[in-house]
Amino acid sequence: MSLGLVEILVIALAAVLFAALIPPRWRGWAILLGSVIGIYWLQPPLAPRWADFLLPSATIALGVAGWWLSRQHQQAFLSPVHDDDDHPGGRDPHIYVQDDWLTLLVVMTVILALSLFRYAPAELRLTASRPPTPLFVAVTALEVGLLFLALAIILRRVGHWVALNGGIAAILFLFVLVKWSPATTVVAGWWRSLTEQDVSLAAPSDLVWLGFAYVVVRIIHTIRDRRMNVMPDMPLSAYLSYILFIPAFVAGPIDRIQRFSGDYHALGSLRGFDPARWGSGLWRVGEGLFKKFVVADLLAQGMSLTPALAEQTESAAAMWLLLFGYGLRIYFDFSGYTDIAIGLGMLFGFRLPENFNRPYTRSNITTFWQSWHMSLSEWARFYIFTPLSRALLRRRSKAAGLLTPTTIVLSAHLATMIAIGLWHSISWNFFIWGLWHGVGLFIHKQWSDRTRKWYRGLQGRPWPRRAWAVAGWGMTVLFVMLGWVWFLLPTPQMALDTFAKLFSF
């Protein structure tokens, strides 16, 4: 589900109330509780009974687990603590523990209160469908708490590094279950069997988990930063606010917790109706609304490629026009939502990172990916490309014949871009789309390394330099547009058929 006009308006009105009515000391709580309520409100209805209530609850449980794994390992939550050098200049860890238990209690109270909408008329519910009973919710929360307690006891014995790696592995396993259609169908069938529904109707659409992909990368980011000892010490309330922040929950961008933490802790000194901030925020929301609901939606009215049009269109010229229409549509759609998220974040006092910087004007594939979905590209570069490259370099002496600088760069590019592709969905077409861009980035890297001296010689020759820039821009746009065929179409065969039509084979 994406944010619609009604949802955007409601969030903007909530920002007005936040600025006008919430005292500075309560602003952090308002962000957290508003985000908790928001993920239940935005979650679309699902066929398996109670799925659209339990999946947002699972998001909160994942957030708590991510916080527990990524906190300072000396900091207590289930046992006594001793302040040491890991808390320089910070708050007393014992106070953290009290605040964290209070956060858990308040969040659990809100979830139980939302379950009371079971007894409200359908038109007055904040949840997508009728929730389970409060008793069921309370018992489930108790069971999850006991499971967390057991895991905490086990992980304390195996060591902190094993706990961090195990946490990442568990999250990736859950990601496969949610994003790989065959596994999702099996889980949906199991869920239906528990609730005595027709198992034969199980489908991946049964478990559309709102915001799950973004929650996963945020949690992995914090766990990896704890491994590298660069993770700030965060109370549970601030951590959950980072994971669930509503303006960026559905479609990003992917903020770094270090930057988010600064804005979160500055909420107490925030001017409620700062003219400059509100002017910039509202302008950015308006810009995003125009991109998404005017330009992108206009292109969607038969002016951009769809799977149905890919099958029906026979003319190569029409296919090319539709493909370029889709490339423009996905840009205006996605960048429009990013502008809306950034603008709404400004209204609440948070400056979310930029996500797009005129990517279709770039003259090579490397700068394109430095300008397209920049927060995801930066995340992948920092947590996949760089550590993988360093790990392979350390192993060069053991595999000197295989691990050359060229094969290391190729492996890192392929792994990074395939991971980005599969992050969208685990399917052959997204795998090939990632492979497509990984190969493109590798070829450009090899080309630029071998032509650097020649390119420097163009700096004093403006017309050849401009001609080469135009040629590079044309090749980059063509390469990206052809790549969208893999991204858009559901099967490799449909993609190959579309390529055949594009080139009149």
Protein backbone atom coordinates (compact mmCIF):
# COMPACT_ATOMS: atom_id res chain seq x y z
CA MET A 1 0.00 0.00 0.00
CA SER A 2 1.14 3.55 -0.71
CA LEU A 3 0.06 6.74 0.98
CA GLY A 4 -3.07 8.17 -0.59
CA LEU A 5 -4.30 11.75 -0.47
CA VAL A 6 -6.45 11.06 2.61
CA GLU A 7 -3.57 9.48 4.52
CA ILE A 8 -1.22 12.35 3.60
CA LEU A 9 -3.80 14.91 4.73
CA VAL A 10 -4.35 13.12 8.04
CA ILE A 11 -0.60 12.96 8.74
CA ALA A 12 -0.25 16.67 7.88
CA LEU A 13 -3.13 17.54 10.26
CA ALA A 14 -1.45 15.43 12.92
CA ALA A 15 1.68 17.55 12.42
CA VAL A 16 -0.40 20.68 13.01
CA LEU A 17 -1.78 19.26 16.26
CA PHE A 18 1.72 18.09 17.22
CA ALA A 19 3.11 21.61 16.80
CA ALA A 20 0.16 23.38 18.43
CA LEU A 21 -0.77 21.18 21.38
CA ILE A 22 2.08 18.84 22.42
CA PRO A 23 4.36 20.27 25.13
CA PRO A 24 8.09 19.95 24.38
CA ARG A 25 8.69 17.26 27.02
CA TRP A 26 6.00 15.01 25.50
CA ARG A 27 6.98 15.30 21.85
CA GLY A 28 9.07 12.14 21.81
CA TRP A 29 6.16 10.17 23.25
CA ALA A 30 3.81 11.72 20.69
CA ILE A 31 6.07 10.63 17.82
CA LEU A 32 6.29 7.08 19.18
CA LEU A 33 2.61 6.57 19.99
CA GLY A 34 1.45 8.27 16.81
CA SER A 35 3.71 5.96 14.80
CA VAL A 36 2.46 2.87 16.64
CA ILE A 37 -1.15 3.78 15.91
CA GLY A 38 -0.22 4.76 12.35
CA ILE A 39 1.20 1.38 11.33
CA TYR A 40 -2.07 -0.33 12.30
CA TRP A 41 -4.10 2.34 10.52
CA LEU A 42 -2.07 2.14 7.30
CA GLN A 43 -1.82 -1.66 7.14
CA PRO A 44 -4.11 -2.84 4.28
CA PRO A 45 -6.76 -5.50 4.95
CA LEU A 46 -5.66 -9.12 4.50
CA ALA A 47 -7.61 -12.31 3.95
CA PRO A 48 -6.18 -14.50 6.76
CA ARG A 49 -8.01 -13.78 10.00
CA TRP A 50 -6.34 -11.09 12.14
CA ALA A 51 -3.29 -10.89 9.83
CA ASP A 52 -3.69 -7.13 9.35
CA PHE A 53 -3.55 -6.69 13.14
CA LEU A 54 -0.87 -9.24 14.00
CA LEU A 55 1.62 -8.16 11.30
CA PRO A 56 1.92 -4.57 12.65
CA SER A 57 2.25 -6.15 16.11
CA ALA A 58 5.07 -8.30 14.74
CA THR A 59 6.73 -5.13 13.39
CA ILE A 60 6.80 -3.72 16.92
CA ALA A 61 8.14 -7.02 18.28
CA LEU A 62 10.91 -6.94 15.65
CA GLY A 63 11.71 -3.39 16.69
CA VAL A 64 12.05 -4.43 20.33
CA ALA A 65 14.27 -7.36 19.33
CA GLY A 66 16.42 -5.09 17.14
CA TRP A 67 16.81 -2.64 20.01
CA TRP A 68 17.80 -5.40 22.45
CA LEU A 69 20.45 -6.71 20.07
CA SER A 70 21.84 -3.31 19.12
CA ARG A 71 21.99 -1.71 22.57
CA GLN A 72 25.18 -1.50 24.58
CA HIS A 73 25.77 -5.08 25.72
CA GLN A 74 26.58 -3.89 29.24
CA GLN A 75 23.26 -2.06 29.44
CA ALA A 76 20.74 -4.05 31.43
CA PHE A 77 17.20 -4.79 30.52
CA LEU A 78 16.84 -8.15 32.21
CA SER A 79 19.74 -7.98 34.68
CA PRO A 80 21.74 -5.46 36.76
CA VAL A 81 24.11 -3.08 35.02
CA HIS A 82 27.38 -1.39 35.86
CA ASP A 83 28.30 1.91 34.28
CA ASP A 84 31.65 1.89 32.52
CA ASP A 85 33.49 3.43 29.62
CA ASP A 86 30.81 2.30 27.18
CA HIS A 87 28.53 5.02 28.56
CA PRO A 88 30.76 8.12 28.45
CA GLY A 89 28.78 11.21 29.21
CA GLY A 90 25.52 9.29 28.84
CA ARG A 91 22.54 8.88 31.09
CA ASP A 92 22.54 6.49 34.02
CA PRO A 93 21.87 3.01 32.53
CA HIS A 94 19.46 2.30 35.40
CA ILE A 95 17.31 5.21 34.23
CA TYR A 96 17.38 3.75 30.74
CA VAL A 97 16.01 0.50 32.11
CA GLN A 98 13.13 2.27 33.86
CA ASP A 99 12.30 4.25 30.71
CA ASP A 100 12.46 1.11 28.58
CA TRP A 101 10.07 -0.83 30.79
CA LEU A 102 7.73 2.17 30.77
CA THR A 103 7.93 2.28 26.97
CA LEU A 104 7.02 -1.39 26.74
CA LEU A 105 4.09 -0.89 29.10
CA VAL A 106 2.75 2.14 27.22
CA VAL A 107 3.12 0.54 23.78
CA MET A 108 1.43 -2.65 24.98
CA THR A 109 -1.41 -0.58 26.44
CA VAL A 110 -1.90 1.14 23.07
CA ILE A 111 -1.99 -2.23 21.27
CA LEU A 112 -4.58 -3.56 23.73
CA ALA A 113 -6.61 -0.36 23.28
CA LEU A 114 -6.53 -0.85 19.49
CA SER A 115 -7.85 -4.39 19.95
CA LEU A 116 -10.95 -2.86 21.58
CA PHE A 117 -11.96 -1.66 18.11
CA ARG A 118 -13.18 -5.23 17.73
CA TYR A 119 -16.35 -4.00 19.44
CA ALA A 120 -16.68 -0.80 17.38
CA PRO A 121 -18.72 -0.44 14.15
CA ALA A 122 -16.68 -1.17 11.02
CA GLU A 123 -16.84 2.45 9.84
CA LEU A 124 -15.26 3.68 13.09
CA ARG A 125 -12.36 1.25 13.29
CA LEU A 126 -8.76 2.44 13.06
CA THR A 127 -7.69 -1.07 12.05
CA ALA A 128 -8.18 -2.58 8.61
CA SER A 129 -10.55 -5.29 9.84
CA ARG A 130 -11.96 -6.63 13.09
CA PRO A 131 -9.07 -7.21 15.55
CA PRO A 132 -8.69 -10.27 17.76
CA THR A 133 -10.01 -10.14 21.32
CA PRO A 134 -8.01 -8.18 23.93
CA LEU A 135 -7.52 -11.45 25.85
CA PHE A 136 -5.97 -13.09 22.76
CA VAL A 137 -3.70 -10.07 22.26
CA ALA A 138 -2.62 -10.08 25.91
CA VAL A 139 -1.89 -13.83 25.94
CA THR A 140 0.03 -13.59 22.64
CA ALA A 141 2.08 -10.68 24.01
CA LEU A 142 2.88 -12.73 27.13
CA GLU A 143 3.98 -15.68 24.98
CA VAL A 144 6.20 -13.44 22.86
CA GLY A 145 7.67 -11.93 26.02
CA LEU A 146 8.49 -15.38 27.42
CA LEU A 147 10.06 -16.33 24.07
CA PHE A 148 12.20 -13.18 24.14
CA LEU A 149 13.22 -13.97 27.73
CA ALA A 150 14.30 -17.49 26.76
CA LEU A 151 16.24 -16.19 23.75
CA ALA A 152 17.87 -13.50 25.89
CA ILE A 153 19.08 -16.11 28.39
CA ILE A 154 20.45 -18.29 25.58
CA LEU A 155 22.13 -15.42 23.74
CA ARG A 156 23.81 -14.15 26.90
CA ARG A 157 25.58 -17.50 27.14
CA VAL A 158 26.75 -17.73 23.52
CA GLY A 159 28.33 -14.27 23.43
CA HIS A 160 27.45 -10.88 22.01
CA TRP A 161 29.00 -11.39 18.56
CA VAL A 162 27.13 -14.64 18.05
CA ALA A 163 23.92 -12.92 19.16
CA LEU A 164 24.39 -10.12 16.63
CA ASN A 165 25.14 -12.49 13.75
CA GLY A 166 22.27 -14.76 14.78
CA GLY A 167 19.91 -11.80 14.86
CA ILE A 168 20.85 -10.77 11.32
CA ALA A 169 20.47 -14.38 10.12
CA ALA A 170 17.02 -14.66 11.73
CA ILE A 171 15.86 -11.41 10.14
CA LEU A 172 17.09 -12.52 6.72
CA PHE A 173 15.30 -15.87 7.13
CA LEU A 174 12.07 -14.02 7.96
CA PHE A 175 12.68 -11.79 4.92
CA VAL A 176 12.85 -14.86 2.67
CA LEU A 177 9.56 -16.15 4.11
CA VAL A 178 7.85 -12.83 3.39
CA LYS A 179 9.44 -11.94 0.04
CA TRP A 180 9.72 -15.34 -1.70
CA SER A 181 6.30 -16.19 -3.14
CA PRO A 182 6.43 -20.01 -2.67
CA ALA A 183 7.45 -19.63 0.98
CA THR A 184 4.88 -16.88 1.56
CA THR A 185 2.15 -19.09 0.11
CA VAL A 186 3.11 -21.92 2.47
CA VAL A 187 3.02 -19.57 5.46
CA ALA A 188 -0.32 -18.15 4.31
CA GLY A 189 -1.73 -21.69 4.00
CA TRP A 190 -0.50 -22.55 7.49
CA TRP A 191 -2.09 -19.35 8.85
CA ARG A 192 -5.38 -20.15 7.14
CA SER A 193 -5.33 -23.68 8.59
CA LEU A 194 -4.96 -22.27 12.11
CA THR A 195 -7.98 -20.02 11.62
CA GLU A 196 -10.07 -22.68 9.83
CA GLN A 197 -10.12 -20.85 6.50
CA ASP A 198 -9.86 -22.33 3.01
CA VAL A 199 -6.19 -23.34 2.62
CA SER A 200 -6.56 -23.73 -1.16
CA LEU A 201 -6.99 -19.94 -1.46
CA ALA A 202 -3.60 -19.20 0.09
CA ALA A 203 -1.54 -16.71 -1.95
CA PRO A 204 1.39 -14.31 -1.44
CA SER A 205 -1.12 -11.43 -1.32
CA ASP A 206 -2.40 -12.89 1.96
CA LEU A 207 0.67 -11.55 3.77
CA VAL A 208 1.36 -8.07 2.41
CA TRP A 209 3.37 -6.78 5.36
CA LEU A 210 3.36 -2.98 5.24
CA GLY A 211 6.81 -1.40 5.60
CA PHE A 212 8.53 -4.72 6.27
CA ALA A 213 11.38 -4.26 3.76
CA TYR A 214 12.27 -0.87 5.24
CA VAL A 215 12.05 -2.18 8.81
CA VAL A 216 14.49 -4.97 7.91
CA VAL A 217 17.19 -2.67 6.51
CA ARG A 218 16.86 -0.31 9.49
CA ILE A 219 17.26 -3.11 12.02
CA ILE A 220 20.21 -4.66 10.15
CA HIS A 221 21.77 -1.19 9.99
CA THR A 222 21.61 -0.80 13.78
CA ILE A 223 22.89 -4.33 14.49
CA ARG A 224 25.80 -3.90 12.08
CA ASP A 225 26.63 -0.52 13.61
CA ARG A 226 26.70 -2.15 17.04
CA ARG A 227 29.20 -4.70 15.68
CA MET A 228 31.36 -1.78 14.51
CA ASN A 229 30.87 0.10 17.81
CA VAL A 230 29.38 3.16 16.10
CA MET A 231 25.80 2.63 17.26
CA PRO A 232 24.61 5.40 19.63
CA ASP A 233 23.12 4.34 22.95
CA MET A 234 19.37 4.64 22.35
CA PRO A 235 16.45 4.19 24.75
CA LEU A 236 13.73 1.89 23.48
CA SER A 237 11.33 4.80 22.85
CA ALA A 238 13.79 6.53 20.50
CA TYR A 239 14.71 3.27 18.75
CA LEU A 240 11.09 2.33 18.06
CA SER A 241 10.39 5.87 16.85
CA TYR A 242 13.24 5.46 14.36
CA ILE A 243 11.94 2.09 13.14
CA LEU A 244 8.26 3.15 12.90
CA PHE A 245 8.45 6.87 11.97
CA ILE A 246 5.28 7.19 9.90
CA PRO A 247 6.34 9.67 7.16
CA ALA A 248 9.16 7.28 6.11
CA PHE A 249 7.56 3.96 7.11
CA VAL A 250 5.84 3.02 3.85
CA ALA A 251 8.31 4.07 1.14
CA GLY A 252 11.42 5.44 2.82
CA PRO A 253 13.85 7.09 2.62
CA ILE A 254 16.16 4.95 4.77
CA ASP A 255 17.48 7.24 7.49
CA ARG A 256 20.57 6.51 9.55
CA ILE A 257 19.89 6.19 13.26
CA GLN A 258 22.78 8.52 14.12
CA ARG A 259 21.16 11.35 12.18
CA PHE A 260 17.62 10.51 13.35
CA SER A 261 18.80 10.45 16.96
CA GLY A 262 20.00 14.06 16.74
CA ASP A 263 16.59 15.28 15.54
CA TYR A 264 14.77 13.12 18.09
CA HIS A 265 16.72 14.50 21.03
CA ALA A 266 16.26 18.07 19.72
CA LEU A 267 12.44 17.83 19.80
CA GLY A 268 12.31 19.57 23.18
CA SER A 269 13.85 22.75 21.74
CA LEU A 270 11.91 22.65 18.47
CA ARG A 271 9.81 25.68 17.57
CA GLY A 272 6.32 24.38 16.94
CA PHE A 273 5.48 26.62 13.97
CA ASP A 274 8.86 27.72 12.68
CA PRO A 275 8.01 29.60 9.44
CA ALA A 276 11.10 28.50 7.54
CA ARG A 277 10.66 24.83 8.45
CA TRP A 278 6.95 24.77 7.75
CA GLY A 279 7.36 26.70 4.51
CA SER A 280 10.02 24.26 3.27
CA GLY A 281 8.03 21.25 4.45
CA LEU A 282 4.74 22.26 2.86
CA TRP A 283 6.48 23.22 -0.39
CA ARG A 284 8.16 19.81 -0.47
CA VAL A 285 4.83 18.05 0.18
CA GLY A 286 3.23 20.06 -2.62
CA GLU A 287 6.06 19.19 -4.99
CA GLY A 288 5.65 15.51 -4.17
CA LEU A 289 1.88 15.65 -4.63
CA PHE A 290 2.33 17.12 -8.09
CA LYS A 291 4.90 14.50 -9.10
CA LYS A 292 2.90 11.55 -7.81
CA PHE A 293 -0.76 12.44 -8.28
CA VAL A 294 -0.45 14.53 -11.45
CA VAL A 295 2.55 13.42 -13.50
CA ALA A 296 2.95 9.78 -12.40
CA ASP A 297 -0.78 9.05 -12.32
CA LEU A 298 -1.21 10.68 -15.74
CA LEU A 299 1.53 8.43 -17.15
CA ALA A 300 -0.25 5.47 -15.59
CA GLN A 301 -3.31 6.10 -17.77
CA GLY A 302 -2.10 3.98 -20.67
CA MET A 303 1.11 5.99 -21.27
CA SER A 304 3.53 3.61 -19.53
CA LEU A 305 4.37 -0.05 -19.90
CA THR A 306 2.43 -2.63 -17.89
CA PRO A 307 2.46 -6.44 -18.08
CA ALA A 308 -0.88 -6.33 -19.92
CA LEU A 309 0.34 -3.74 -22.44
CA ALA A 310 3.58 -5.68 -22.92
CA GLU A 311 1.54 -8.66 -24.12
CA GLN A 312 -0.87 -6.63 -26.28
CA THR A 313 1.56 -4.23 -27.98
CA GLU A 314 3.06 -5.38 -31.28
CA SER A 315 4.65 -2.20 -32.62
CA ALA A 316 8.30 -1.69 -31.67
CA ALA A 317 7.88 2.11 -31.68
CA ALA A 318 4.88 1.91 -29.34
CA MET A 319 6.78 -0.46 -27.06
CA TRP A 320 9.70 1.96 -26.81
CA LEU A 321 7.35 4.84 -25.97
CA LEU A 322 5.63 2.77 -23.30
CA LEU A 323 8.96 1.69 -21.84
CA PHE A 324 10.23 5.26 -21.56
CA GLY A 325 6.84 6.21 -20.12
CA TYR A 326 7.30 3.58 -17.44
CA GLY A 327 10.80 4.84 -16.65
CA LEU A 328 9.41 8.33 -16.13
CA ARG A 329 6.42 7.05 -14.21
CA ILE A 330 8.46 5.07 -11.69
CA TYR A 331 10.72 8.07 -11.15
CA PHE A 332 7.92 10.58 -10.58
CA ASP A 333 5.98 8.08 -8.48
CA PHE A 334 8.87 7.14 -6.20
CA SER A 335 10.53 10.56 -5.99
CA GLY A 336 7.10 12.10 -5.40
CA TYR A 337 6.53 9.88 -2.37
CA THR A 338 10.04 10.71 -1.17
CA ASP A 339 9.31 14.44 -1.41
CA ILE A 340 6.08 13.92 0.54
CA ALA A 341 7.90 11.91 3.22
CA ILE A 342 10.68 14.49 3.54
CA GLY A 343 8.15 17.33 3.70
CA LEU A 344 6.01 15.62 6.34
CA GLY A 345 9.14 14.78 8.31
CA MET A 346 10.08 18.48 8.32
CA LEU A 347 6.68 19.36 9.81
CA PHE A 348 7.46 17.04 12.74
CA GLY A 349 11.01 18.36 13.11
CA PHE A 350 12.93 15.60 11.28
CA ARG A 351 15.10 16.19 8.21
CA LEU A 352 15.04 12.88 6.38
CA PRO A 353 17.83 12.21 3.84
CA GLU A 354 17.44 12.97 0.17
CA ASN A 355 16.67 10.02 -2.07
CA PHE A 356 16.80 11.33 -5.66
CA ASN A 357 19.05 13.86 -7.35
CA ARG A 358 18.05 14.09 -11.04
CA PRO A 359 19.18 10.53 -11.83
CA TYR A 360 18.10 10.61 -15.49
CA THR A 361 20.51 13.47 -16.19
CA ARG A 362 23.59 11.43 -15.25
CA SER A 363 26.14 10.48 -17.89
CA ASN A 364 27.16 7.07 -16.53
CA ILE A 365 25.62 4.21 -14.57
CA THR A 366 27.76 4.84 -11.47
CA THR A 367 26.54 8.41 -11.00
CA PHE A 368 23.01 7.22 -11.81
CA TRP A 369 23.11 4.91 -8.78
CA GLN A 370 24.60 7.71 -6.72
CA SER A 371 21.46 9.70 -7.56
CA TRP A 372 18.69 7.05 -7.61
CA HIS A 373 17.25 5.77 -4.30
CA MET A 374 20.36 7.22 -2.69
CA SER A 375 19.53 6.07 0.83
CA LEU A 376 19.27 2.43 -0.29
CA SER A 377 22.35 2.71 -2.51
CA GLU A 378 24.36 4.15 0.38
CA TRP A 379 23.09 1.42 2.71
CA ALA A 380 24.09 -1.31 0.24
CA ARG A 381 27.48 0.27 -0.39
CA PHE A 382 28.21 0.56 3.32
CA TYR A 383 26.88 -2.82 4.50
CA ILE A 384 27.44 -5.07 1.46
CA PHE A 385 29.93 -3.68 -1.08
CA THR A 386 32.58 -2.36 1.30
CA PRO A 387 32.69 -5.24 3.83
CA LEU A 388 32.56 -7.84 1.05
CA SER A 389 35.39 -6.14 -0.86
CA ARG A 390 37.53 -5.97 2.28
CA ALA A 391 36.81 -9.59 3.18
CA LEU A 392 37.82 -10.77 -0.30
CA LEU A 393 40.97 -8.65 -0.23
CA ARG A 394 41.97 -10.28 3.07
CA ARG A 395 41.63 -13.70 1.44
CA ARG A 396 43.68 -12.89 -1.67
CA SER A 397 46.75 -14.64 -0.32
CA LYS A 398 44.80 -17.91 0.08
CA ALA A 399 43.21 -17.78 -3.36
CA ALA A 400 45.64 -15.72 -5.38
CA GLY A 401 44.64 -17.30 -8.67
CA LEU A 402 40.94 -16.53 -8.29
CA LEU A 403 40.79 -13.36 -6.19
CA THR A 404 42.36 -10.74 -8.42
CA PRO A 405 41.42 -7.06 -8.04
CA THR A 406 39.16 -7.42 -11.08
CA THR A 407 37.26 -10.46 -9.78
CA ILE A 408 36.91 -8.83 -6.35
CA VAL A 409 35.34 -5.71 -7.87
CA LEU A 410 33.08 -7.85 -10.07
CA SER A 411 31.95 -10.00 -7.13
CA ALA A 412 31.24 -6.98 -4.94
CA HIS A 413 29.24 -5.20 -7.66
CA LEU A 414 27.20 -8.30 -8.48
CA ALA A 415 26.49 -9.16 -4.83
CA THR A 416 25.46 -5.59 -4.00
CA MET A 417 23.12 -5.08 -6.93
CA ILE A 418 21.59 -8.56 -6.72
CA ALA A 419 20.87 -7.87 -3.04
CA ILE A 420 19.17 -4.60 -4.02
CA GLY A 421 17.12 -6.44 -6.62
CA LEU A 422 16.04 -9.21 -4.25
CA TRP A 423 15.22 -6.62 -1.58
CA HIS A 424 12.28 -5.61 -3.76
CA SER A 425 11.11 -9.21 -4.13
CA ILE A 426 12.79 -12.62 -4.31
CA SER A 427 12.14 -13.65 -7.91
CA TRP A 428 14.13 -14.45 -11.03
CA ASN A 429 13.31 -11.13 -12.68
CA PHE A 430 14.54 -9.05 -9.74
CA PHE A 431 17.64 -11.25 -9.56
CA ILE A 432 18.33 -10.57 -13.26
CA TRP A 433 17.61 -6.85 -12.80
CA GLY A 434 20.23 -6.74 -10.03
CA LEU A 435 22.63 -8.76 -12.19
CA TRP A 436 21.99 -6.37 -15.10
CA HIS A 437 23.03 -3.34 -13.05
CA GLY A 438 25.90 -5.16 -11.32
CA VAL A 439 27.43 -6.00 -14.70
CA GLY A 440 26.80 -2.44 -15.89
CA LEU A 441 28.58 -0.94 -12.88
CA PHE A 442 31.52 -3.33 -13.31
CA ILE A 443 31.90 -2.54 -17.02
CA HIS A 444 31.80 1.20 -16.32
CA LYS A 445 34.41 0.80 -13.57
CA GLN A 446 36.75 -1.06 -15.92
CA TRP A 447 36.16 1.46 -18.72
CA SER A 448 36.73 4.50 -16.51
CA ASP A 449 39.91 3.02 -15.03
CA ARG A 450 41.34 2.44 -18.52
CA THR A 451 40.28 5.76 -20.07
CA ARG A 452 40.98 8.13 -17.18
CA LYS A 453 44.05 9.64 -18.82
CA TRP A 454 42.24 10.04 -22.14
CA TYR A 455 39.24 11.67 -20.43
CA ARG A 456 41.48 14.15 -18.62
CA GLY A 457 42.77 15.19 -22.03
CA LEU A 458 39.22 16.27 -22.97
CA GLN A 459 39.06 18.86 -20.18
CA GLY A 460 40.68 21.49 -22.38
CA ARG A 461 38.50 20.60 -25.39
CA PRO A 462 34.92 21.67 -24.54
CA TRP A 463 33.13 20.38 -27.64
CA PRO A 464 34.54 16.82 -27.60
CA ARG A 465 33.97 16.70 -23.83
CA ARG A 466 30.33 17.76 -24.23
CA ALA A 467 29.79 15.33 -27.09
CA TRP A 468 31.15 12.49 -24.97
CA ALA A 469 28.97 13.55 -22.02
CA VAL A 470 25.89 13.51 -24.26
CA ALA A 471 26.83 10.10 -25.64
CA GLY A 472 27.39 8.78 -22.11
CA TRP A 473 24.02 10.19 -21.01
CA GLY A 474 22.25 8.52 -23.92
CA MET A 475 23.86 5.13 -23.25
CA THR A 476 23.07 5.40 -19.52
CA VAL A 477 19.40 6.25 -20.04
CA LEU A 478 19.03 3.46 -22.63
CA PHE A 479 20.69 0.94 -20.31
CA VAL A 480 18.49 1.92 -17.36
CA MET A 481 15.29 1.89 -19.43
CA LEU A 482 16.02 -1.58 -20.80
CA GLY A 483 16.69 -2.72 -17.24
CA TRP A 484 13.17 -1.67 -16.23
CA VAL A 485 11.85 -4.51 -18.42
CA TRP A 486 13.22 -7.01 -15.89
CA PHE A 487 11.98 -4.90 -12.98
CA LEU A 488 8.41 -4.52 -14.24
CA LEU A 489 7.48 -7.86 -15.78
CA PRO A 490 6.71 -10.89 -13.58
CA THR A 491 8.55 -13.65 -15.49
CA PRO A 492 11.78 -13.96 -17.51
CA GLN A 493 9.80 -15.22 -20.53
CA MET A 494 7.61 -12.10 -20.60
CA ALA A 495 10.74 -9.96 -20.34
CA LEU A 496 12.41 -11.80 -23.23
CA ASP A 497 9.26 -11.47 -25.33
CA THR A 498 9.25 -7.73 -24.63
CA PHE A 499 12.91 -7.42 -25.67
CA ALA A 500 12.05 -9.27 -28.88
CA LYS A 501 9.29 -6.74 -29.63
CA LEU A 502 11.53 -3.78 -28.75
CA PHE A 503 14.16 -4.90 -31.25
CA SER A 504 11.68 -6.37 -33.77
CA PHE A 505 13.03 -9.91 -33.51
